[in-house]
């Protein structure tokens, strides 16, 4: 017999088939555990839930914490500021809505909105390209005589504190 459900939540129909076989057909818990490829403990929990509630239902998920408007605001924020880090978006959201939000929830909303870090990085590269053109335009107007030259030693510059991830 092919396994009914493996290493995942069983569909409620599967649970009801198992309960029917237990109560109406008289199969043992061990035999049903083998047929449905579940542990004895899982079947005992199904039976206990059914006997206490009269039905079998999995617990409902929690209500969404943030409204659709708040989620849309965060996505618009990233449209306007694609270079923003999670903590910057978190601070902006908190100041705009007076509600605390975690960085992980900011990331979750971004992903639900269809944005990934790759998409944001592509936008960033596009903006950086525009900045480079602007910067080269500004540099072209500078008088590059000897008294205006400055040499920087990049080896002695420690940039480890400047690196910021997400």
N, C-alpha and C. Protein backbone atom coordinates (compact mmCIF):
# COMPACT_ATOMS: atom_id res chain seq x y z
N UNK A 1 0.85 -1.18 0.00
CA UNK A 1 0.00 0.00 0.00
C UNK A 1 0.89 1.24 0.00
N UNK A 2 0.53 2.23 -0.79
CA UNK A 2 1.30 3.46 -0.87
C UNK A 2 1.05 4.28 0.39
N UNK A 3 2.08 5.00 0.83
CA UNK A 3 1.95 5.79 2.05
C UNK A 3 1.00 6.95 1.82
N UNK A 4 0.08 7.15 2.77
CA UNK A 4 -0.94 8.19 2.62
C UNK A 4 -0.37 9.58 2.86
N UNK A 5 0.44 9.75 3.88
CA UNK A 5 1.02 11.05 4.19
C UNK A 5 2.35 10.83 4.89
N UNK A 6 3.37 11.49 4.41
CA UNK A 6 4.70 11.30 4.97
C UNK A 6 5.29 12.63 5.40
N UNK A 7 5.68 12.72 6.65
CA UNK A 7 6.40 13.86 7.21
C UNK A 7 5.75 15.21 6.91
N UNK A 8 4.46 15.25 6.98
CA UNK A 8 3.74 16.51 6.79
C UNK A 8 2.42 16.40 7.52
N UNK A 9 1.75 17.53 7.66
CA UNK A 9 0.44 17.50 8.29
C UNK A 9 -0.51 16.72 7.39
N UNK A 10 -1.25 15.84 8.00
CA UNK A 10 -2.23 15.07 7.24
C UNK A 10 -3.43 15.97 6.92
N UNK A 11 -3.97 15.80 5.75
CA UNK A 11 -5.17 16.53 5.35
C UNK A 11 -6.31 16.10 6.28
N UNK A 12 -7.22 17.01 6.62
CA UNK A 12 -8.34 16.61 7.49
C UNK A 12 -9.13 15.41 6.96
N UNK A 13 -9.23 15.27 5.64
CA UNK A 13 -9.91 14.09 5.09
C UNK A 13 -9.19 12.80 5.47
N UNK A 14 -7.86 12.85 5.45
CA UNK A 14 -7.07 11.68 5.85
C UNK A 14 -7.33 11.33 7.30
N UNK A 15 -7.39 12.37 8.14
CA UNK A 15 -7.65 12.15 9.57
C UNK A 15 -9.04 11.53 9.75
N UNK A 16 -10.03 12.05 9.03
CA UNK A 16 -11.38 11.49 9.15
C UNK A 16 -11.46 10.05 8.64
N UNK A 17 -10.72 9.73 7.60
CA UNK A 17 -10.67 8.34 7.13
C UNK A 17 -10.08 7.44 8.23
N UNK A 18 -9.05 7.93 8.87
CA UNK A 18 -8.41 7.16 9.94
C UNK A 18 -9.38 6.99 11.11
N UNK A 19 -10.07 8.07 11.49
CA UNK A 19 -11.03 7.99 12.60
C UNK A 19 -12.18 7.05 12.26
N UNK A 20 -12.64 7.09 11.01
CA UNK A 20 -13.70 6.18 10.57
C UNK A 20 -13.24 4.73 10.69
N UNK A 21 -12.02 4.47 10.24
CA UNK A 21 -11.49 3.10 10.32
C UNK A 21 -11.32 2.66 11.77
N UNK A 22 -11.01 3.58 12.66
CA UNK A 22 -10.83 3.24 14.07
C UNK A 22 -12.17 2.97 14.74
N UNK A 23 -13.13 3.88 14.57
CA UNK A 23 -14.41 3.76 15.27
C UNK A 23 -15.38 2.78 14.60
N UNK A 24 -15.49 2.84 13.29
CA UNK A 24 -16.52 2.06 12.59
C UNK A 24 -16.03 0.69 12.13
N UNK A 25 -14.78 0.62 11.70
CA UNK A 25 -14.28 -0.65 11.18
C UNK A 25 -13.49 -1.43 12.22
N UNK A 26 -13.15 -0.78 13.34
CA UNK A 26 -12.52 -1.47 14.45
C UNK A 26 -11.04 -1.76 14.28
N UNK A 27 -10.35 -1.05 13.40
CA UNK A 27 -8.91 -1.25 13.26
C UNK A 27 -8.18 -0.76 14.50
N UNK A 28 -7.06 -1.40 14.82
CA UNK A 28 -6.27 -0.98 15.98
C UNK A 28 -5.45 0.27 15.64
N UNK A 29 -5.04 0.96 16.68
CA UNK A 29 -4.22 2.17 16.48
C UNK A 29 -2.90 1.83 15.80
N UNK A 30 -2.30 0.71 16.19
CA UNK A 30 -1.02 0.32 15.61
C UNK A 30 -1.17 0.01 14.11
N UNK A 31 -2.24 -0.68 13.76
CA UNK A 31 -2.47 -1.02 12.36
C UNK A 31 -2.72 0.25 11.53
N UNK A 32 -3.50 1.18 12.07
CA UNK A 32 -3.78 2.44 11.37
C UNK A 32 -2.52 3.30 11.27
N UNK A 33 -1.70 3.26 12.32
CA UNK A 33 -0.45 4.02 12.27
C UNK A 33 0.43 3.50 11.14
N UNK A 34 0.42 2.20 10.94
CA UNK A 34 1.20 1.61 9.85
C UNK A 34 0.59 1.98 8.49
N UNK A 35 -0.73 1.90 8.37
CA UNK A 35 -1.40 2.20 7.09
C UNK A 35 -1.19 3.66 6.70
N UNK A 36 -1.35 4.58 7.66
CA UNK A 36 -1.27 6.01 7.36
C UNK A 36 0.14 6.57 7.53
N UNK A 37 1.07 5.69 7.88
CA UNK A 37 2.48 6.07 8.04
C UNK A 37 2.64 7.21 9.04
N UNK A 38 1.97 7.08 10.17
CA UNK A 38 2.06 8.06 11.26
C UNK A 38 2.42 7.32 12.53
N UNK A 39 2.91 8.05 13.51
CA UNK A 39 3.26 7.41 14.77
C UNK A 39 1.99 7.12 15.58
N UNK A 40 2.12 6.19 16.52
CA UNK A 40 1.00 5.87 17.40
C UNK A 40 0.55 7.12 18.15
N UNK A 41 1.52 7.91 18.57
CA UNK A 41 1.25 9.13 19.33
C UNK A 41 0.38 10.10 18.52
N UNK A 42 0.66 10.21 17.23
CA UNK A 42 -0.12 11.10 16.36
C UNK A 42 -1.57 10.64 16.31
N UNK A 43 -1.78 9.34 16.12
CA UNK A 43 -3.15 8.82 16.08
C UNK A 43 -3.86 9.02 17.41
N UNK A 44 -3.16 8.83 18.50
CA UNK A 44 -3.76 9.05 19.83
C UNK A 44 -4.19 10.51 19.97
N UNK A 45 -3.35 11.43 19.47
CA UNK A 45 -3.71 12.85 19.52
C UNK A 45 -4.94 13.15 18.67
N UNK A 46 -5.02 12.54 17.48
CA UNK A 46 -6.19 12.73 16.61
C UNK A 46 -7.46 12.25 17.33
N UNK A 47 -7.37 11.08 17.94
CA UNK A 47 -8.53 10.50 18.63
C UNK A 47 -8.92 11.36 19.83
N UNK A 48 -7.92 11.81 20.58
CA UNK A 48 -8.18 12.65 21.75
C UNK A 48 -8.85 13.97 21.34
N UNK A 49 -8.36 14.57 20.26
CA UNK A 49 -8.96 15.82 19.75
C UNK A 49 -10.39 15.59 19.31
N UNK A 50 -10.62 14.49 18.61
CA UNK A 50 -11.97 14.18 18.12
C UNK A 50 -12.92 13.92 19.29
N UNK A 51 -12.46 13.20 20.29
CA UNK A 51 -13.33 12.88 21.42
C UNK A 51 -13.63 14.11 22.28
N UNK A 52 -12.68 15.03 22.38
CA UNK A 52 -12.92 16.22 23.20
C UNK A 52 -13.76 17.28 22.48
N UNK A 53 -13.58 17.42 21.16
CA UNK A 53 -14.28 18.48 20.42
C UNK A 53 -15.45 17.97 19.59
N UNK A 54 -15.47 16.70 19.29
CA UNK A 54 -16.51 16.16 18.42
C UNK A 54 -16.19 16.32 16.94
N UNK A 55 -15.18 17.08 16.63
CA UNK A 55 -14.71 17.27 15.25
C UNK A 55 -13.19 17.33 15.29
N UNK A 56 -12.59 17.18 14.12
CA UNK A 56 -11.14 17.33 14.06
C UNK A 56 -10.84 18.58 13.25
N UNK A 57 -10.19 19.55 13.88
CA UNK A 57 -9.75 20.76 13.19
C UNK A 57 -8.38 21.13 13.71
N UNK A 58 -7.55 21.56 12.80
CA UNK A 58 -6.25 22.07 13.20
C UNK A 58 -6.44 23.50 13.71
N UNK A 59 -5.57 23.95 14.57
CA UNK A 59 -5.67 25.30 15.12
C UNK A 59 -5.58 26.33 14.00
N UNK A 60 -6.35 27.39 14.13
CA UNK A 60 -6.33 28.46 13.14
C UNK A 60 -5.08 29.31 13.35
N UNK A 61 -4.58 29.88 12.26
CA UNK A 61 -3.43 30.77 12.34
C UNK A 61 -3.81 32.08 13.00
N UNK A 62 -2.82 32.83 13.40
CA UNK A 62 -3.08 34.10 14.05
C UNK A 62 -3.49 35.15 13.02
N UNK A 63 -4.21 36.15 13.49
CA UNK A 63 -4.66 37.23 12.62
C UNK A 63 -3.44 38.07 12.22
N UNK A 64 -3.47 38.59 11.02
CA UNK A 64 -2.36 39.42 10.56
C UNK A 64 -2.22 40.65 11.45
N UNK A 65 -0.99 40.96 11.79
CA UNK A 65 -0.72 42.04 12.71
C UNK A 65 -0.90 43.40 12.06
N UNK A 66 -0.49 43.52 10.80
CA UNK A 66 -0.50 44.81 10.13
C UNK A 66 -1.54 44.82 9.02
N UNK A 67 -2.17 45.98 8.85
CA UNK A 67 -3.23 46.12 7.85
C UNK A 67 -2.64 46.15 6.44
N UNK A 68 -3.51 46.04 5.47
CA UNK A 68 -3.08 46.09 4.07
C UNK A 68 -2.49 47.46 3.73
N UNK A 69 -3.04 48.52 4.34
CA UNK A 69 -2.50 49.86 4.10
C UNK A 69 -1.07 49.99 4.64
N UNK A 70 -0.84 49.43 5.82
CA UNK A 70 0.50 49.49 6.40
C UNK A 70 1.50 48.69 5.57
N UNK A 71 1.06 47.55 5.07
CA UNK A 71 1.93 46.74 4.21
C UNK A 71 2.23 47.48 2.91
N UNK A 72 1.21 48.10 2.33
CA UNK A 72 1.40 48.86 1.09
C UNK A 72 2.33 50.04 1.33
N UNK A 73 2.21 50.68 2.51
CA UNK A 73 3.10 51.79 2.85
C UNK A 73 4.55 51.33 2.84
N UNK A 74 4.81 50.17 3.43
CA UNK A 74 6.17 49.66 3.49
C UNK A 74 6.72 49.34 2.10
N UNK A 75 5.88 48.79 1.24
CA UNK A 75 6.32 48.51 -0.14
C UNK A 75 6.58 49.81 -0.90
N UNK A 76 5.74 50.83 -0.68
CA UNK A 76 5.98 52.13 -1.31
C UNK A 76 7.27 52.75 -0.79
N UNK A 77 7.54 52.54 0.50
CA UNK A 77 8.78 53.06 1.09
C UNK A 77 9.99 52.47 0.36
N UNK A 78 9.94 51.18 0.08
CA UNK A 78 11.06 50.55 -0.63
C UNK A 78 11.09 50.93 -2.10
N UNK A 79 9.95 51.33 -2.67
CA UNK A 79 9.97 51.87 -4.03
C UNK A 79 10.71 53.20 -4.07
N UNK A 80 10.48 54.02 -3.03
CA UNK A 80 11.13 55.34 -2.97
C UNK A 80 12.57 55.25 -2.48
N UNK A 81 12.85 54.30 -1.59
CA UNK A 81 14.17 54.17 -0.96
C UNK A 81 14.69 52.74 -1.12
N UNK A 82 15.07 52.33 -2.31
CA UNK A 82 15.52 50.94 -2.49
C UNK A 82 16.85 50.65 -1.80
N UNK A 83 17.57 51.68 -1.40
CA UNK A 83 18.84 51.48 -0.71
C UNK A 83 18.66 51.28 0.80
N UNK A 84 17.45 51.41 1.30
CA UNK A 84 17.21 51.38 2.73
C UNK A 84 17.48 50.00 3.31
N UNK A 85 18.14 50.00 4.46
CA UNK A 85 18.36 48.76 5.20
C UNK A 85 17.12 48.46 6.03
N UNK A 86 17.06 47.26 6.56
CA UNK A 86 15.89 46.84 7.32
C UNK A 86 15.66 47.72 8.54
N UNK A 87 16.74 48.09 9.24
CA UNK A 87 16.56 48.92 10.43
C UNK A 87 16.07 50.32 10.07
N UNK A 88 16.47 50.84 8.92
CA UNK A 88 15.97 52.14 8.48
C UNK A 88 14.48 52.07 8.14
N UNK A 89 14.09 51.01 7.46
CA UNK A 89 12.67 50.82 7.15
C UNK A 89 11.86 50.62 8.43
N UNK A 90 12.44 49.91 9.37
CA UNK A 90 11.79 49.67 10.65
C UNK A 90 11.55 51.00 11.37
N UNK A 91 12.57 51.86 11.43
CA UNK A 91 12.44 53.16 12.09
C UNK A 91 11.42 54.04 11.38
N UNK A 92 11.45 54.05 10.05
CA UNK A 92 10.51 54.87 9.29
C UNK A 92 9.07 54.39 9.51
N UNK A 93 8.87 53.09 9.54
CA UNK A 93 7.54 52.52 9.76
C UNK A 93 7.04 52.88 11.15
N UNK A 94 7.91 52.75 12.14
CA UNK A 94 7.53 53.04 13.51
C UNK A 94 7.16 54.51 13.68
N UNK A 95 7.94 55.40 13.06
CA UNK A 95 7.63 56.83 13.19
C UNK A 95 6.38 57.21 12.41
N UNK A 96 6.10 56.54 11.30
CA UNK A 96 4.92 56.87 10.49
C UNK A 96 3.63 56.32 11.09
N UNK A 97 3.69 55.12 11.66
CA UNK A 97 2.47 54.45 12.12
C UNK A 97 2.37 54.32 13.63
N UNK A 98 3.41 54.68 14.36
CA UNK A 98 3.44 54.60 15.83
C UNK A 98 3.15 53.18 16.32
N UNK A 99 3.66 52.21 15.56
CA UNK A 99 3.51 50.79 15.90
C UNK A 99 4.88 50.15 15.74
N UNK A 100 5.27 49.33 16.71
CA UNK A 100 6.56 48.65 16.62
C UNK A 100 6.48 47.51 15.60
N UNK A 101 7.57 47.31 14.88
CA UNK A 101 7.66 46.22 13.90
C UNK A 101 9.08 45.67 13.96
N UNK A 102 9.22 44.37 13.83
CA UNK A 102 10.55 43.76 13.85
C UNK A 102 11.15 43.77 12.45
N UNK A 103 12.46 43.66 12.39
CA UNK A 103 13.14 43.62 11.10
C UNK A 103 12.74 42.37 10.32
N UNK A 104 12.55 41.26 11.02
CA UNK A 104 12.16 40.03 10.33
C UNK A 104 10.77 40.17 9.72
N UNK A 105 9.88 40.92 10.38
CA UNK A 105 8.54 41.13 9.83
C UNK A 105 8.60 42.08 8.63
N UNK A 106 9.50 43.06 8.69
CA UNK A 106 9.71 43.94 7.53
C UNK A 106 10.13 43.09 6.34
N UNK A 107 11.07 42.19 6.56
CA UNK A 107 11.55 41.31 5.49
C UNK A 107 10.42 40.41 4.97
N UNK A 108 9.59 39.90 5.87
CA UNK A 108 8.47 39.05 5.46
C UNK A 108 7.49 39.83 4.57
N UNK A 109 7.17 41.07 4.95
CA UNK A 109 6.26 41.89 4.14
C UNK A 109 6.86 42.19 2.78
N UNK A 110 8.17 42.44 2.76
CA UNK A 110 8.86 42.71 1.49
C UNK A 110 8.73 41.49 0.58
N UNK A 111 8.96 40.30 1.13
CA UNK A 111 8.86 39.08 0.32
C UNK A 111 7.43 38.83 -0.14
N UNK A 112 6.45 39.07 0.74
CA UNK A 112 5.05 38.90 0.35
C UNK A 112 4.67 39.86 -0.76
N UNK A 113 5.32 41.02 -0.80
CA UNK A 113 5.05 42.01 -1.83
C UNK A 113 5.77 41.73 -3.14
N UNK A 114 6.51 40.63 -3.19
CA UNK A 114 7.20 40.25 -4.43
C UNK A 114 8.58 40.84 -4.58
N UNK A 115 9.08 41.48 -3.54
CA UNK A 115 10.43 42.04 -3.60
C UNK A 115 11.41 41.08 -2.96
N UNK A 116 12.58 40.98 -3.54
CA UNK A 116 13.67 40.21 -2.95
C UNK A 116 14.87 41.12 -2.87
N UNK A 117 15.90 40.69 -2.18
CA UNK A 117 17.10 41.52 -2.10
C UNK A 117 17.75 41.65 -3.46
N UNK A 118 17.59 40.65 -4.34
CA UNK A 118 18.16 40.78 -5.68
C UNK A 118 17.47 41.89 -6.46
N UNK A 119 16.14 41.97 -6.35
CA UNK A 119 15.40 43.04 -7.03
C UNK A 119 15.85 44.39 -6.49
N UNK A 120 15.96 44.50 -5.17
CA UNK A 120 16.38 45.76 -4.57
C UNK A 120 17.81 46.10 -4.95
N UNK A 121 18.68 45.09 -5.04
CA UNK A 121 20.07 45.34 -5.44
C UNK A 121 20.14 45.81 -6.89
N UNK A 122 19.29 45.27 -7.76
CA UNK A 122 19.26 45.73 -9.15
C UNK A 122 18.86 47.19 -9.21
N UNK A 123 17.84 47.56 -8.43
CA UNK A 123 17.43 48.96 -8.39
C UNK A 123 18.57 49.83 -7.85
N UNK A 124 19.26 49.32 -6.86
CA UNK A 124 20.38 50.04 -6.28
C UNK A 124 21.47 50.26 -7.32
N UNK A 125 21.79 49.22 -8.09
CA UNK A 125 22.82 49.37 -9.12
C UNK A 125 22.40 50.42 -10.14
N UNK A 126 21.13 50.45 -10.48
CA UNK A 126 20.65 51.45 -11.44
C UNK A 126 20.81 52.85 -10.86
N UNK A 127 20.47 53.02 -9.59
CA UNK A 127 20.63 54.33 -8.95
C UNK A 127 22.10 54.69 -8.86
N UNK A 128 22.94 53.72 -8.51
CA UNK A 128 24.37 54.00 -8.43
C UNK A 128 24.92 54.42 -9.79
N UNK A 129 24.40 53.83 -10.84
CA UNK A 129 24.84 54.21 -12.19
C UNK A 129 24.51 55.67 -12.45
N UNK A 130 23.33 56.10 -12.06
CA UNK A 130 22.95 57.50 -12.21
C UNK A 130 23.84 58.40 -11.37
N UNK A 131 24.17 57.96 -10.15
CA UNK A 131 25.06 58.74 -9.29
C UNK A 131 26.45 58.86 -9.90
N UNK A 132 26.92 57.79 -10.53
CA UNK A 132 28.24 57.83 -11.17
C UNK A 132 28.26 58.85 -12.29
N UNK A 133 27.22 58.87 -13.10
CA UNK A 133 27.15 59.86 -14.18
C UNK A 133 27.12 61.28 -13.62
N UNK A 134 26.34 61.48 -12.57
CA UNK A 134 26.28 62.80 -11.94
C UNK A 134 27.63 63.19 -11.36
N UNK A 135 28.28 62.24 -10.71
CA UNK A 135 29.58 62.49 -10.09
C UNK A 135 30.64 62.83 -11.14
N UNK A 136 30.65 62.08 -12.24
CA UNK A 136 31.64 62.38 -13.29
C UNK A 136 31.36 63.74 -13.92
N UNK A 137 30.10 64.10 -14.01
CA UNK A 137 29.76 65.43 -14.53
C UNK A 137 30.29 66.51 -13.59
N UNK A 138 30.14 66.31 -12.29
CA UNK A 138 30.66 67.28 -11.31
C UNK A 138 32.18 67.35 -11.37
N UNK A 139 32.83 66.20 -11.52
CA UNK A 139 34.29 66.18 -11.57
C UNK A 139 34.84 66.85 -12.82
N UNK A 140 34.08 66.82 -13.88
CA UNK A 140 34.57 67.42 -15.13
C UNK A 140 34.68 68.94 -15.03
N UNK A 141 34.03 69.55 -14.04
CA UNK A 141 34.07 71.00 -13.88
C UNK A 141 35.16 71.46 -12.90
N UNK A 142 35.92 70.54 -12.34
CA UNK A 142 36.98 70.90 -11.37
C UNK A 142 38.28 71.19 -12.11
N UNK A 143 38.98 72.20 -11.61
CA UNK A 143 40.30 72.54 -12.14
C UNK A 143 41.31 71.54 -11.55
N UNK A 144 41.89 70.70 -12.40
CA UNK A 144 42.77 69.64 -11.92
C UNK A 144 44.23 70.05 -12.01
N UNK A 145 44.56 71.21 -11.48
CA UNK A 145 45.97 71.63 -11.44
C UNK A 145 46.66 70.93 -10.27
N UNK A 146 47.98 71.07 -10.17
CA UNK A 146 48.76 70.34 -9.16
C UNK A 146 48.36 70.68 -7.73
N UNK A 147 47.95 71.91 -7.45
CA UNK A 147 47.61 72.26 -6.07
C UNK A 147 46.28 71.63 -5.61
N UNK A 148 45.48 71.12 -6.52
CA UNK A 148 44.20 70.50 -6.15
C UNK A 148 44.26 68.98 -6.04
N UNK A 149 45.41 68.38 -6.31
CA UNK A 149 45.52 66.92 -6.24
C UNK A 149 45.65 66.44 -4.80
N UNK A 150 44.94 65.39 -4.47
CA UNK A 150 44.99 64.79 -3.15
C UNK A 150 45.19 63.30 -3.34
N UNK A 151 46.13 62.72 -2.58
CA UNK A 151 46.39 61.28 -2.67
C UNK A 151 45.84 60.61 -1.41
N UNK A 152 45.13 59.54 -1.62
CA UNK A 152 44.59 58.77 -0.50
C UNK A 152 45.27 57.41 -0.46
N UNK A 153 45.65 57.00 0.73
CA UNK A 153 46.25 55.69 0.91
C UNK A 153 45.14 54.72 1.32
N UNK A 154 44.70 53.88 0.39
CA UNK A 154 43.57 52.99 0.66
C UNK A 154 43.92 51.85 1.60
N UNK A 155 45.20 51.52 1.73
CA UNK A 155 45.60 50.41 2.59
C UNK A 155 45.38 50.76 4.05
N UNK A 156 45.59 52.00 4.43
CA UNK A 156 45.47 52.37 5.83
C UNK A 156 44.03 52.71 6.21
N UNK A 157 43.11 52.61 5.28
CA UNK A 157 41.72 52.92 5.56
C UNK A 157 41.00 51.64 5.98
N UNK A 158 40.49 51.63 7.20
CA UNK A 158 39.79 50.45 7.73
C UNK A 158 38.29 50.63 7.51
N UNK A 159 37.73 49.86 6.58
CA UNK A 159 36.31 50.01 6.25
C UNK A 159 35.44 48.92 6.87
N UNK A 160 35.96 48.13 7.79
CA UNK A 160 35.17 47.04 8.36
C UNK A 160 33.95 47.55 9.12
N UNK A 161 34.07 48.71 9.74
CA UNK A 161 32.94 49.26 10.48
C UNK A 161 31.87 49.84 9.58
N UNK A 162 32.18 50.03 8.30
CA UNK A 162 31.23 50.65 7.37
C UNK A 162 30.34 49.61 6.70
N UNK A 163 30.72 48.35 6.76
CA UNK A 163 29.95 47.31 6.09
C UNK A 163 28.65 47.09 6.86
N UNK A 164 27.54 47.12 6.16
CA UNK A 164 26.23 46.98 6.78
C UNK A 164 25.43 45.98 5.97
N UNK A 165 25.00 44.92 6.60
CA UNK A 165 24.24 43.89 5.88
C UNK A 165 22.77 44.03 6.21
N UNK A 166 21.96 44.03 5.16
CA UNK A 166 20.51 44.10 5.26
C UNK A 166 20.10 45.14 6.23
